[in-house]
N, C-alpha and C. Protein backbone atom coordinates (compact mmCIF):
# COMPACT_ATOMS: atom_id res chain seq x y z
N MET A 1 -73.31 4.28 -89.88
CA MET A 1 -72.68 3.76 -89.26
C MET A 1 -73.37 2.87 -87.96
N VAL A 2 -73.60 1.65 -87.73
CA VAL A 2 -73.99 0.64 -87.11
C VAL A 2 -73.19 -0.04 -86.39
N ASN A 3 -73.00 -0.60 -85.14
CA ASN A 3 -72.12 -0.69 -83.85
C ASN A 3 -70.68 -0.69 -84.60
N GLY A 4 -70.29 0.76 -84.80
CA GLY A 4 -69.41 1.58 -85.01
C GLY A 4 -68.77 0.29 -86.30
N PHE A 5 -68.85 0.28 -87.52
CA PHE A 5 -68.98 -0.44 -88.55
C PHE A 5 -69.60 0.72 -89.32
N ALA A 6 -68.97 0.80 -90.73
CA ALA A 6 -69.53 1.87 -91.45
C ALA A 6 -70.79 0.29 -92.45
N CYS A 7 -71.96 1.50 -92.69
CA CYS A 7 -72.76 0.17 -93.75
C CYS A 7 -72.60 0.42 -95.10
N LYS A 8 -72.37 -0.49 -95.78
CA LYS A 8 -71.86 -0.10 -97.09
C LYS A 8 -73.48 -0.37 -97.86
N ASN A 9 -73.22 0.69 -98.93
CA ASN A 9 -73.87 0.97 -100.41
C ASN A 9 -74.77 -0.68 -100.95
N PRO A 10 -75.95 -0.83 -100.33
CA PRO A 10 -76.44 -2.15 -100.71
C PRO A 10 -76.03 -2.50 -102.50
N SER A 11 -76.32 -1.24 -103.23
CA SER A 11 -75.83 -1.68 -104.62
C SER A 11 -74.58 -1.97 -105.14
N LEU A 12 -73.76 -1.71 -104.13
CA LEU A 12 -72.15 -2.15 -103.84
C LEU A 12 -71.80 -3.55 -103.35
N VAL A 13 -72.34 -4.18 -102.72
CA VAL A 13 -72.53 -5.40 -102.23
C VAL A 13 -72.10 -6.57 -103.20
N GLN A 14 -71.20 -7.11 -102.49
CA GLN A 14 -71.00 -8.29 -103.11
C GLN A 14 -70.61 -9.23 -102.61
N ALA A 15 -70.64 -11.11 -103.62
CA ALA A 15 -70.63 -12.16 -102.30
C ALA A 15 -69.37 -11.71 -101.54
N ASP A 16 -68.37 -11.97 -101.95
CA ASP A 16 -67.50 -11.43 -101.07
C ASP A 16 -67.52 -10.93 -99.72
N ASP A 17 -68.58 -9.91 -99.30
CA ASP A 17 -69.00 -9.50 -97.98
C ASP A 17 -69.27 -10.18 -97.49
N PHE A 18 -70.30 -11.61 -97.39
CA PHE A 18 -70.67 -12.45 -96.81
C PHE A 18 -69.87 -14.42 -96.79
N TYR A 19 -68.35 -13.69 -97.06
CA TYR A 19 -67.63 -14.94 -97.35
C TYR A 19 -66.43 -15.27 -96.73
N PHE A 20 -65.80 -16.25 -96.00
CA PHE A 20 -64.74 -16.39 -95.36
C PHE A 20 -64.47 -17.80 -95.36
N ASP A 21 -62.72 -17.46 -96.02
CA ASP A 21 -62.69 -19.00 -96.35
C ASP A 21 -61.28 -19.20 -95.24
N GLY A 22 -61.02 -18.62 -94.48
CA GLY A 22 -60.53 -19.16 -93.04
C GLY A 22 -60.34 -20.19 -91.63
N LEU A 23 -61.64 -20.93 -92.12
CA LEU A 23 -61.84 -21.34 -91.08
C LEU A 23 -61.12 -22.62 -91.70
N ARG A 24 -60.87 -23.46 -92.98
CA ARG A 24 -60.23 -23.98 -93.52
C ARG A 24 -58.80 -24.31 -93.00
N VAL A 25 -58.18 -23.42 -92.12
CA VAL A 25 -56.98 -23.48 -92.16
C VAL A 25 -56.73 -24.08 -90.88
N LYS A 26 -56.05 -24.94 -89.92
CA LYS A 26 -56.13 -25.00 -88.26
C LYS A 26 -55.21 -24.15 -88.03
N GLY A 27 -55.77 -23.84 -87.04
CA GLY A 27 -55.09 -22.78 -86.26
C GLY A 27 -53.49 -23.13 -85.47
N ASN A 28 -53.46 -21.87 -85.00
CA ASN A 28 -51.40 -22.45 -84.26
C ASN A 28 -51.45 -22.98 -83.21
N THR A 29 -51.68 -23.50 -82.59
CA THR A 29 -51.69 -23.93 -80.97
C THR A 29 -50.48 -24.66 -80.69
N SER A 30 -49.69 -23.32 -81.28
CA SER A 30 -47.96 -23.74 -80.39
C SER A 30 -48.08 -22.88 -79.86
N ASN A 31 -48.46 -23.15 -78.27
CA ASN A 31 -48.76 -21.50 -77.29
C ASN A 31 -49.12 -22.64 -75.75
N ALA A 32 -48.64 -21.16 -75.04
CA ALA A 32 -48.69 -22.11 -73.63
C ALA A 32 -50.23 -22.98 -73.14
N VAL A 33 -51.31 -22.43 -73.63
CA VAL A 33 -52.86 -23.66 -73.55
C VAL A 33 -53.02 -24.86 -73.90
N GLY A 34 -52.27 -24.61 -75.29
CA GLY A 34 -52.47 -25.95 -76.74
C GLY A 34 -53.74 -25.96 -77.16
N SER A 35 -54.53 -24.28 -77.51
CA SER A 35 -55.64 -24.63 -78.06
C SER A 35 -55.14 -23.03 -78.77
N LYS A 36 -56.08 -23.12 -79.78
CA LYS A 36 -56.56 -21.42 -80.84
C LYS A 36 -57.73 -21.21 -80.98
N VAL A 37 -58.46 -20.36 -81.04
CA VAL A 37 -59.70 -19.85 -81.28
C VAL A 37 -59.64 -18.89 -82.88
N SER A 38 -59.82 -19.40 -83.57
CA SER A 38 -60.01 -18.48 -85.38
C SER A 38 -61.58 -17.97 -85.25
N LEU A 39 -61.54 -16.43 -84.14
CA LEU A 39 -63.12 -15.99 -84.22
C LEU A 39 -63.30 -15.02 -85.75
N VAL A 40 -64.92 -15.91 -86.16
CA VAL A 40 -64.94 -15.27 -87.15
C VAL A 40 -65.93 -14.04 -87.44
N THR A 41 -66.00 -12.81 -87.25
CA THR A 41 -66.87 -11.43 -86.74
C THR A 41 -67.29 -10.93 -87.49
N MET A 42 -67.93 -9.75 -87.50
CA MET A 42 -68.13 -8.74 -88.80
C MET A 42 -66.94 -7.35 -89.21
N GLU A 43 -65.73 -8.04 -88.55
CA GLU A 43 -64.18 -7.50 -89.51
C GLU A 43 -63.96 -8.62 -89.90
N GLN A 44 -64.55 -9.69 -89.94
CA GLN A 44 -63.69 -10.51 -91.08
C GLN A 44 -64.93 -10.24 -92.62
N VAL A 45 -66.07 -10.70 -91.88
CA VAL A 45 -67.13 -10.47 -92.56
C VAL A 45 -68.36 -9.90 -92.45
N PRO A 46 -68.04 -8.75 -92.86
CA PRO A 46 -68.80 -7.28 -93.04
C PRO A 46 -70.03 -7.77 -93.26
N GLY A 47 -71.05 -8.80 -93.82
CA GLY A 47 -71.99 -8.72 -93.85
C GLY A 47 -72.93 -9.43 -92.78
N LEU A 48 -72.17 -10.24 -91.39
CA LEU A 48 -72.60 -10.41 -90.47
C LEU A 48 -73.02 -8.95 -89.20
N ASN A 49 -72.66 -7.91 -90.24
CA ASN A 49 -73.25 -6.30 -89.02
C ASN A 49 -74.67 -6.69 -89.03
N THR A 50 -75.24 -6.24 -87.96
CA THR A 50 -76.41 -6.05 -87.47
C THR A 50 -77.41 -7.65 -87.19
N LEU A 51 -76.71 -8.90 -87.69
CA LEU A 51 -77.06 -10.08 -88.42
C LEU A 51 -77.52 -10.75 -86.68
N GLY A 52 -76.25 -10.42 -85.83
CA GLY A 52 -76.55 -11.00 -84.53
C GLY A 52 -75.92 -12.35 -83.92
N ILE A 53 -74.57 -12.66 -85.19
CA ILE A 53 -74.43 -13.82 -85.02
C ILE A 53 -72.85 -13.67 -84.81
N SER A 54 -71.95 -14.52 -84.88
CA SER A 54 -70.30 -14.95 -85.41
C SER A 54 -70.09 -16.99 -84.98
N MET A 55 -69.50 -16.78 -85.19
CA MET A 55 -68.64 -18.34 -84.85
C MET A 55 -67.10 -18.66 -85.19
N ALA A 56 -66.22 -19.58 -84.73
CA ALA A 56 -64.84 -19.77 -84.47
C ALA A 56 -65.21 -21.12 -85.20
N ARG A 57 -63.80 -21.45 -85.35
CA ARG A 57 -63.19 -22.87 -85.51
C ARG A 57 -62.35 -22.88 -84.05
N VAL A 58 -62.27 -23.69 -83.46
CA VAL A 58 -61.18 -23.82 -82.23
C VAL A 58 -60.36 -25.73 -82.17
N ASP A 59 -59.03 -25.38 -82.64
CA ASP A 59 -58.49 -26.42 -82.75
C ASP A 59 -57.63 -26.10 -81.43
N TYR A 60 -57.53 -27.81 -80.76
CA TYR A 60 -57.08 -28.45 -79.38
C TYR A 60 -56.01 -29.10 -79.81
N GLU A 61 -54.25 -28.77 -79.07
CA GLU A 61 -53.95 -30.11 -79.13
C GLU A 61 -54.01 -31.46 -78.00
N PRO A 62 -53.26 -32.02 -77.93
CA PRO A 62 -53.35 -33.43 -77.14
C PRO A 62 -53.60 -32.79 -75.46
N TRP A 63 -55.28 -32.27 -75.00
CA TRP A 63 -54.51 -32.16 -73.91
C TRP A 63 -54.22 -30.74 -73.35
N GLY A 64 -54.66 -30.08 -75.15
CA GLY A 64 -54.62 -28.90 -74.70
C GLY A 64 -56.45 -28.02 -74.00
N LEU A 65 -55.92 -26.41 -74.19
CA LEU A 65 -57.17 -26.43 -73.28
C LEU A 65 -57.01 -24.50 -73.36
N ASN A 66 -58.77 -24.55 -73.79
CA ASN A 66 -59.01 -22.89 -73.68
C ASN A 66 -59.59 -22.58 -72.24
N PRO A 67 -59.26 -22.28 -71.97
CA PRO A 67 -58.83 -21.86 -70.50
C PRO A 67 -60.64 -20.73 -70.13
N PRO A 68 -60.58 -20.77 -68.59
CA PRO A 68 -62.11 -20.36 -68.21
C PRO A 68 -62.19 -18.89 -68.63
N HIS A 69 -63.63 -19.12 -69.80
CA HIS A 69 -63.45 -17.09 -70.35
C HIS A 69 -65.29 -17.03 -69.70
N VAL A 70 -65.49 -15.95 -69.98
CA VAL A 70 -67.13 -15.85 -70.82
C VAL A 70 -66.96 -15.27 -71.74
N GLN A 71 -67.90 -14.81 -72.84
CA GLN A 71 -68.36 -14.10 -73.95
C GLN A 71 -69.39 -12.96 -73.35
N ALA A 72 -68.81 -12.29 -73.06
CA ALA A 72 -69.91 -10.62 -72.48
C ALA A 72 -71.31 -10.26 -73.46
N ARG A 73 -70.99 -10.26 -74.58
CA ARG A 73 -72.55 -10.77 -75.03
C ARG A 73 -73.28 -11.79 -75.74
N ALA A 74 -72.89 -12.99 -75.57
CA ALA A 74 -73.11 -13.94 -76.65
C ALA A 74 -73.60 -15.20 -75.43
N THR A 75 -74.23 -16.18 -76.12
CA THR A 75 -74.69 -17.14 -75.60
C THR A 75 -73.73 -18.16 -76.64
N GLU A 76 -72.90 -19.16 -76.37
CA GLU A 76 -71.97 -19.78 -77.39
C GLU A 76 -72.52 -22.05 -77.08
N HIS A 77 -72.70 -21.47 -78.72
CA HIS A 77 -73.73 -22.94 -79.05
C HIS A 77 -71.94 -23.90 -79.80
N PHE A 78 -71.56 -24.91 -79.14
CA PHE A 78 -70.10 -25.55 -79.46
C PHE A 78 -70.64 -26.70 -80.28
N THR A 79 -69.84 -27.53 -80.75
CA THR A 79 -70.02 -28.76 -81.24
C THR A 79 -68.77 -29.18 -81.75
N VAL A 80 -68.02 -30.75 -81.45
CA VAL A 80 -67.34 -31.83 -81.89
C VAL A 80 -67.36 -31.80 -82.97
N LEU A 81 -66.52 -31.64 -83.99
CA LEU A 81 -66.37 -31.94 -85.37
C LEU A 81 -65.12 -33.41 -85.25
N GLU A 82 -64.34 -33.22 -84.28
CA GLU A 82 -63.36 -34.19 -84.33
C GLU A 82 -62.14 -34.65 -82.92
N GLY A 83 -62.45 -35.76 -82.22
CA GLY A 83 -61.92 -36.06 -80.89
C GLY A 83 -63.01 -35.90 -79.89
N THR A 84 -62.51 -36.42 -78.95
CA THR A 84 -63.20 -36.29 -77.06
C THR A 84 -62.27 -34.96 -76.86
N ILE A 85 -63.55 -34.30 -76.23
CA ILE A 85 -63.60 -32.82 -75.40
C ILE A 85 -64.45 -33.08 -74.30
N GLU A 86 -63.20 -32.32 -72.95
CA GLU A 86 -64.08 -31.84 -71.82
C GLU A 86 -64.80 -30.70 -71.18
N VAL A 87 -65.85 -30.02 -71.65
CA VAL A 87 -66.45 -29.17 -71.25
C VAL A 87 -67.52 -28.39 -69.60
N GLY A 88 -67.21 -27.56 -69.56
CA GLY A 88 -67.81 -26.96 -68.48
C GLY A 88 -68.17 -25.49 -68.42
N PHE A 89 -69.42 -26.02 -67.41
CA PHE A 89 -69.08 -24.15 -66.49
C PHE A 89 -69.71 -23.66 -65.49
N VAL A 90 -69.80 -22.80 -64.96
CA VAL A 90 -70.10 -22.54 -63.27
C VAL A 90 -71.37 -21.16 -63.10
N THR A 91 -72.60 -21.61 -62.48
CA THR A 91 -73.67 -20.55 -62.76
C THR A 91 -73.20 -19.77 -61.67
N SER A 92 -73.87 -19.01 -61.76
CA SER A 92 -73.57 -17.42 -60.91
C SER A 92 -74.40 -17.48 -59.47
N ASN A 93 -73.58 -16.95 -58.85
CA ASN A 93 -73.78 -16.39 -56.82
C ASN A 93 -75.59 -16.71 -57.14
N PRO A 94 -75.39 -17.42 -56.33
CA PRO A 94 -74.94 -17.82 -54.89
C PRO A 94 -74.56 -19.45 -54.93
N GLU A 95 -75.27 -19.94 -56.14
CA GLU A 95 -75.32 -21.33 -56.18
C GLU A 95 -73.54 -21.84 -56.20
N ASN A 96 -72.93 -20.98 -57.63
CA ASN A 96 -71.63 -21.09 -58.15
C ASN A 96 -71.90 -22.82 -58.03
N ARG A 97 -72.48 -23.97 -58.96
CA ARG A 97 -72.70 -24.79 -59.66
C ARG A 97 -71.62 -25.18 -60.58
N PHE A 98 -70.89 -26.22 -60.45
CA PHE A 98 -70.11 -26.71 -61.85
C PHE A 98 -70.62 -27.40 -62.18
N ILE A 99 -70.86 -27.43 -63.91
CA ILE A 99 -71.46 -28.03 -64.68
C ILE A 99 -71.08 -28.84 -65.73
N THR A 100 -70.65 -30.01 -66.02
CA THR A 100 -69.66 -30.47 -66.99
C THR A 100 -69.61 -32.08 -67.93
N LYS A 101 -69.06 -31.66 -68.88
CA LYS A 101 -69.85 -33.08 -69.93
C LYS A 101 -68.80 -33.23 -70.96
N VAL A 102 -68.49 -34.70 -71.03
CA VAL A 102 -67.82 -35.08 -71.83
C VAL A 102 -68.05 -35.26 -73.37
N LEU A 103 -67.54 -34.69 -74.28
CA LEU A 103 -67.99 -35.04 -75.31
C LEU A 103 -67.46 -35.28 -76.63
N HIS A 104 -67.91 -35.90 -77.66
CA HIS A 104 -67.83 -36.74 -78.14
C HIS A 104 -67.89 -36.38 -79.70
N LYS A 105 -67.22 -36.97 -80.67
CA LYS A 105 -67.12 -36.66 -82.55
C LYS A 105 -69.09 -36.26 -82.65
N GLY A 106 -69.47 -35.19 -83.09
CA GLY A 106 -70.56 -34.83 -82.69
C GLY A 106 -71.94 -34.30 -82.20
N ASP A 107 -70.97 -34.02 -81.24
CA ASP A 107 -71.63 -33.98 -80.01
C ASP A 107 -71.77 -32.64 -79.66
N ALA A 108 -72.89 -31.57 -78.99
CA ALA A 108 -73.00 -29.89 -78.96
C ALA A 108 -73.57 -29.70 -77.88
N PHE A 109 -72.85 -29.04 -77.43
CA PHE A 109 -73.15 -28.18 -75.52
C PHE A 109 -73.42 -26.48 -75.90
N VAL A 110 -74.45 -26.16 -75.27
CA VAL A 110 -74.17 -25.14 -75.08
C VAL A 110 -73.72 -24.15 -72.84
N PHE A 111 -73.23 -23.08 -73.97
CA PHE A 111 -72.45 -22.26 -72.59
C PHE A 111 -73.77 -20.99 -72.45
N PRO A 112 -74.14 -20.82 -71.59
CA PRO A 112 -75.32 -19.85 -71.52
C PRO A 112 -74.66 -18.41 -71.22
N PHE A 113 -75.58 -18.01 -71.90
CA PHE A 113 -74.77 -16.19 -72.15
C PHE A 113 -73.92 -15.63 -70.02
N ARG A 114 -73.06 -15.11 -70.44
CA ARG A 114 -72.00 -14.66 -69.23
C ARG A 114 -71.16 -15.67 -68.19
N LEU A 115 -71.46 -16.92 -68.54
CA LEU A 115 -71.05 -17.79 -67.54
C LEU A 115 -69.37 -18.45 -67.95
N VAL A 116 -69.02 -18.10 -67.23
CA VAL A 116 -67.70 -18.58 -66.84
C VAL A 116 -67.45 -20.17 -67.44
N HIS A 117 -67.21 -20.59 -68.54
CA HIS A 117 -67.08 -21.88 -69.41
C HIS A 117 -65.80 -21.94 -69.33
N PHE A 118 -65.14 -23.50 -69.66
CA PHE A 118 -64.27 -23.78 -70.74
C PHE A 118 -64.50 -25.23 -71.27
N GLN A 119 -62.80 -25.33 -72.19
CA GLN A 119 -63.07 -26.92 -72.79
C GLN A 119 -61.21 -27.25 -72.70
N ARG A 120 -61.54 -28.73 -72.49
CA ARG A 120 -60.40 -29.07 -72.44
C ARG A 120 -60.01 -30.34 -73.55
N ASN A 121 -59.23 -31.01 -74.35
CA ASN A 121 -59.15 -32.15 -75.03
C ASN A 121 -58.16 -32.92 -73.79
N ILE A 122 -59.31 -34.08 -73.85
CA ILE A 122 -58.36 -35.30 -72.92
C ILE A 122 -58.13 -36.15 -73.58
N GLY A 123 -57.74 -36.33 -74.95
CA GLY A 123 -57.56 -37.09 -75.23
C GLY A 123 -56.41 -36.72 -76.23
N ASN A 124 -54.95 -38.62 -76.54
CA ASN A 124 -54.22 -38.09 -77.48
C ASN A 124 -53.92 -38.06 -79.00
N MET A 125 -55.26 -36.70 -79.20
CA MET A 125 -55.55 -37.11 -80.50
C MET A 125 -56.00 -34.94 -80.88
N ASN A 126 -55.53 -34.35 -81.86
CA ASN A 126 -56.66 -32.99 -81.69
C ASN A 126 -57.63 -33.18 -81.91
N VAL A 127 -58.48 -32.31 -81.62
CA VAL A 127 -59.46 -31.82 -81.17
C VAL A 127 -60.23 -30.78 -82.62
N LEU A 128 -60.97 -30.98 -83.00
CA LEU A 128 -61.25 -29.83 -83.85
C LEU A 128 -62.96 -29.08 -83.36
N ALA A 129 -63.44 -27.99 -82.97
CA ALA A 129 -65.10 -27.79 -82.83
C ALA A 129 -65.29 -26.52 -83.29
N ILE A 130 -66.09 -26.08 -83.85
CA ILE A 130 -66.72 -24.67 -84.42
C ILE A 130 -67.71 -24.49 -83.02
N SER A 131 -67.63 -23.13 -82.83
CA SER A 131 -68.63 -22.60 -81.97
C SER A 131 -69.30 -21.48 -82.59
N THR A 132 -70.66 -21.08 -82.27
CA THR A 132 -71.23 -20.21 -83.40
C THR A 132 -72.20 -19.54 -81.70
N LEU A 133 -71.58 -18.09 -81.78
CA LEU A 133 -72.54 -17.28 -80.91
C LEU A 133 -73.89 -16.20 -81.55
N SER A 134 -74.05 -15.73 -80.38
CA SER A 134 -74.91 -14.66 -80.54
C SER A 134 -74.99 -13.66 -80.61
N SER A 135 -73.78 -12.87 -81.09
CA SER A 135 -73.35 -11.44 -81.70
C SER A 135 -72.30 -11.66 -82.58
N GLN A 136 -72.65 -10.58 -83.32
CA GLN A 136 -71.30 -10.08 -84.10
C GLN A 136 -70.46 -10.06 -83.34
N ASN A 137 -70.51 -9.41 -82.33
CA ASN A 137 -69.29 -9.07 -81.15
C ASN A 137 -69.24 -9.61 -79.93
N PRO A 138 -69.08 -10.57 -79.93
CA PRO A 138 -69.12 -11.79 -78.63
C PRO A 138 -68.75 -11.15 -77.42
N GLY A 139 -67.48 -10.48 -77.87
CA GLY A 139 -66.66 -9.77 -76.44
C GLY A 139 -66.25 -10.85 -75.35
N ILE A 140 -64.92 -11.31 -75.70
CA ILE A 140 -64.28 -12.37 -75.28
C ILE A 140 -63.48 -12.05 -74.99
N VAL A 141 -63.54 -12.52 -72.92
CA VAL A 141 -62.67 -12.21 -72.05
C VAL A 141 -62.32 -13.16 -71.10
N THR A 142 -60.57 -13.94 -71.60
CA THR A 142 -60.66 -15.01 -70.35
C THR A 142 -60.31 -14.61 -68.94
N ILE A 143 -60.35 -15.06 -68.05
CA ILE A 143 -60.05 -14.48 -66.74
C ILE A 143 -59.37 -14.40 -66.02
N ALA A 144 -58.22 -15.54 -66.27
CA ALA A 144 -56.74 -15.86 -65.81
C ALA A 144 -56.22 -13.91 -66.29
N ASN A 145 -56.05 -13.75 -67.61
CA ASN A 145 -55.74 -12.90 -68.59
C ASN A 145 -56.03 -11.44 -67.91
N ALA A 146 -57.60 -11.67 -68.00
CA ALA A 146 -58.11 -10.15 -66.82
C ALA A 146 -57.70 -10.16 -65.89
N ILE A 147 -57.49 -10.68 -65.29
CA ILE A 147 -57.02 -10.54 -63.47
C ILE A 147 -55.92 -10.25 -63.88
N PHE A 148 -55.12 -11.05 -64.27
CA PHE A 148 -53.46 -11.05 -63.93
C PHE A 148 -52.76 -10.47 -64.87
N GLY A 149 -53.57 -10.06 -65.77
CA GLY A 149 -52.57 -9.56 -67.03
C GLY A 149 -53.06 -8.10 -67.23
N SER A 150 -54.19 -6.73 -66.48
CA SER A 150 -54.41 -6.50 -66.21
C SER A 150 -53.45 -5.01 -67.14
N LYS A 151 -54.00 -4.41 -66.98
CA LYS A 151 -52.49 -3.05 -67.22
C LYS A 151 -53.37 -1.61 -66.35
N PRO A 152 -53.24 -1.10 -65.89
CA PRO A 152 -51.85 -0.90 -64.37
C PRO A 152 -52.80 -3.09 -64.24
N ASP A 153 -51.38 -3.30 -62.90
CA ASP A 153 -51.82 -4.67 -62.30
C ASP A 153 -52.48 -4.17 -61.59
N ILE A 154 -53.62 -4.94 -61.21
CA ILE A 154 -54.46 -5.45 -59.42
C ILE A 154 -53.47 -5.72 -58.65
N SER A 155 -53.81 -4.89 -57.70
CA SER A 155 -53.13 -4.94 -56.30
C SER A 155 -53.38 -6.25 -56.13
N ILE A 156 -51.53 -6.73 -55.71
CA ILE A 156 -52.08 -8.05 -55.12
C ILE A 156 -52.27 -8.70 -53.46
N ASP A 157 -53.16 -7.18 -52.60
CA ASP A 157 -53.97 -7.09 -52.27
C ASP A 157 -55.14 -7.32 -52.35
N ILE A 158 -56.05 -6.93 -53.36
CA ILE A 158 -56.52 -6.90 -53.40
C ILE A 158 -56.73 -8.31 -54.08
N LEU A 159 -55.56 -9.31 -55.11
CA LEU A 159 -55.72 -10.56 -55.52
C LEU A 159 -56.17 -11.40 -54.24
N ALA A 160 -55.35 -11.56 -53.51
CA ALA A 160 -54.96 -12.48 -52.29
C ALA A 160 -56.28 -12.34 -51.45
N GLY A 161 -56.32 -10.96 -50.63
CA GLY A 161 -57.02 -11.03 -49.75
C GLY A 161 -58.79 -11.80 -49.86
N PRO A 162 -59.35 -12.50 -50.63
CA PRO A 162 -59.84 -13.20 -50.46
C PRO A 162 -59.53 -14.48 -49.67
N ALA A 163 -58.47 -14.93 -50.61
CA ALA A 163 -57.82 -15.98 -50.39
C ALA A 163 -56.92 -16.12 -48.55
N ARG A 164 -56.93 -15.14 -48.63
CA ARG A 164 -56.22 -15.17 -46.95
C ARG A 164 -56.98 -15.15 -46.08
N LYS A 165 -58.75 -14.62 -46.20
CA LYS A 165 -58.89 -14.64 -45.49
C LYS A 165 -59.93 -15.95 -45.12
N ALA A 166 -59.83 -16.45 -46.48
CA ALA A 166 -60.43 -17.73 -45.98
C ALA A 166 -59.03 -19.21 -45.09
N TYR A 167 -58.00 -18.55 -46.07
CA TYR A 167 -56.86 -19.48 -44.85
C TYR A 167 -56.74 -19.53 -43.31
N GLN A 168 -57.08 -18.16 -43.27
CA GLN A 168 -56.74 -17.20 -41.99
C GLN A 168 -56.75 -18.24 -40.75
N PRO A 169 -57.74 -18.53 -40.81
CA PRO A 169 -58.03 -19.70 -39.48
C PRO A 169 -57.16 -20.95 -39.16
N ARG A 170 -56.59 -21.42 -40.73
CA ARG A 170 -55.49 -23.05 -40.85
C ARG A 170 -54.41 -22.33 -40.55
N LEU A 171 -53.83 -21.31 -40.35
CA LEU A 171 -52.11 -20.78 -40.30
C LEU A 171 -52.18 -20.79 -38.47
N THR A 172 -50.97 -21.13 -38.48
CA THR A 172 -50.57 -21.04 -36.76
C THR A 172 -50.02 -19.54 -36.41
N PRO A 173 -50.08 -19.69 -35.25
CA PRO A 173 -49.94 -17.70 -35.28
C PRO A 173 -48.41 -17.80 -35.57
N ARG A 174 -47.46 -18.69 -35.77
CA ARG A 174 -46.29 -17.88 -36.54
C ARG A 174 -47.11 -17.49 -37.99
N ALA A 175 -47.20 -18.29 -38.39
CA ALA A 175 -47.71 -18.45 -39.76
C ALA A 175 -47.89 -17.05 -40.49
N SER A 176 -49.50 -17.12 -38.66
CA SER A 176 -50.05 -15.65 -39.11
C SER A 176 -50.18 -14.28 -39.26
N GLN A 177 -48.33 -14.23 -38.49
CA GLN A 177 -47.38 -13.50 -38.33
C GLN A 177 -46.91 -13.06 -39.75
N ASN A 178 -46.58 -14.11 -39.91
CA ASN A 178 -45.27 -14.47 -41.74
C ASN A 178 -45.90 -13.66 -42.82
N LYS A 179 -46.02 -12.06 -42.93
CA LYS A 179 -46.83 -11.69 -44.27
C LYS A 179 -45.32 -11.41 -45.22
N GLY A 180 -44.35 -11.64 -44.88
CA GLY A 180 -43.72 -12.05 -46.06
C GLY A 180 -44.17 -12.82 -46.51
N LEU A 181 -44.57 -13.76 -46.03
CA LEU A 181 -44.41 -15.40 -46.74
C LEU A 181 -45.46 -15.35 -47.19
N GLN A 182 -46.65 -14.92 -46.39
CA GLN A 182 -48.21 -14.69 -47.29
C GLN A 182 -47.86 -14.18 -48.82
N PHE A 183 -46.83 -13.12 -48.56
CA PHE A 183 -47.40 -12.35 -49.90
C PHE A 183 -46.04 -13.00 -50.88
N TYR A 184 -45.35 -13.46 -51.00
CA TYR A 184 -44.44 -14.57 -52.21
C TYR A 184 -45.54 -15.44 -52.32
N PHE A 185 -46.21 -16.30 -51.38
CA PHE A 185 -47.09 -17.24 -51.76
C PHE A 185 -47.91 -16.96 -52.36
N PHE A 186 -48.56 -15.80 -52.72
CA PHE A 186 -49.60 -15.17 -53.64
C PHE A 186 -49.32 -14.49 -54.49
N SER A 187 -47.67 -13.65 -54.43
CA SER A 187 -47.16 -13.50 -55.69
C SER A 187 -47.01 -14.69 -56.62
N TYR A 188 -46.21 -16.02 -56.00
CA TYR A 188 -46.03 -17.00 -56.60
C TYR A 188 -47.36 -17.48 -57.20
N ILE A 189 -48.58 -18.00 -56.58
CA ILE A 189 -49.62 -18.40 -56.90
C ILE A 189 -50.48 -17.25 -58.76
N ARG A 190 -49.60 -16.04 -58.32
CA ARG A 190 -50.40 -14.92 -59.72
C ARG A 190 -49.66 -15.37 -60.91
N VAL A 191 -48.20 -15.52 -60.40
CA VAL A 191 -47.20 -15.62 -61.92
C VAL A 191 -47.67 -16.82 -62.24
N VAL A 192 -47.57 -18.16 -62.30
CA VAL A 192 -48.12 -19.30 -62.36
C VAL A 192 -49.41 -18.79 -63.09
N PHE A 193 -50.42 -18.08 -62.59
CA PHE A 193 -51.53 -18.78 -63.32
C PHE A 193 -51.43 -17.39 -65.07
N PHE A 194 -50.91 -16.95 -64.30
CA PHE A 194 -50.71 -15.92 -65.37
C PHE A 194 -49.83 -15.68 -67.08
N PHE A 195 -48.35 -16.85 -66.40
CA PHE A 195 -48.00 -17.55 -67.72
C PHE A 195 -48.03 -18.57 -67.89
N LEU A 196 -49.28 -19.52 -67.30
CA LEU A 196 -50.40 -20.08 -67.97
C LEU A 196 -51.45 -19.72 -69.39
N SER A 197 -51.80 -18.95 -68.77
CA SER A 197 -52.77 -18.30 -69.60
C SER A 197 -52.47 -17.25 -70.93
N PHE A 198 -51.47 -16.38 -70.22
CA PHE A 198 -51.54 -14.69 -70.79
C PHE A 198 -51.49 -15.10 -72.57
N LYS A 199 -50.97 -16.44 -72.90
CA LYS A 199 -50.94 -16.28 -74.42
C LYS A 199 -51.78 -16.45 -75.19
N GLN A 200 -52.72 -17.37 -74.77
CA GLN A 200 -53.70 -17.44 -75.69
C GLN A 200 -54.12 -15.85 -75.52
N ARG A 201 -54.97 -16.55 -77.02
CA ARG A 201 -55.32 -14.98 -77.88
C ARG A 201 -56.69 -15.52 -78.74
N PHE A 202 -57.81 -14.95 -79.10
CA PHE A 202 -58.93 -14.65 -79.38
C PHE A 202 -58.70 -13.68 -80.93
């Protein structure tokens, strides 16, 4: 066993252990975010085990979004095969710089290890891209799913706390005392983000 997967006897290895034909098929983008990531790891290609790489086909409908996410164990090299797409990532604390670029067919962009990043189709045509990842098991975490789709739920007081503190000085005394109104406001924001992002799957 290596990385939780059984190692095949070398004498039994076949070409199919290093082969996958699924990337020729367009992903199903009929979901809330209008994109589909078709990931190829050692689960699909056993020969990838211990090699430290994987890849994905990413399809986008017009204005489709691959929501903010991270690869917990990989840097991503992203190449546009068809279309025009906006990409970006945010650097780590305390700077939190937003770095963004519009990519066209043939362009490539790198998302550094563990930084929050996204891609969005900004045209009226479908976009196709290929991602290569520096891990055979990159560990993808969609931010909104992790925060708003956790099981069990994260307390609304924890999720709303920083925003409440940031906006508290701007509230009138009457609004500051209206805790019920604040609760429903932050609950509404939570529900909106949950339903926009929860259906995205990798």
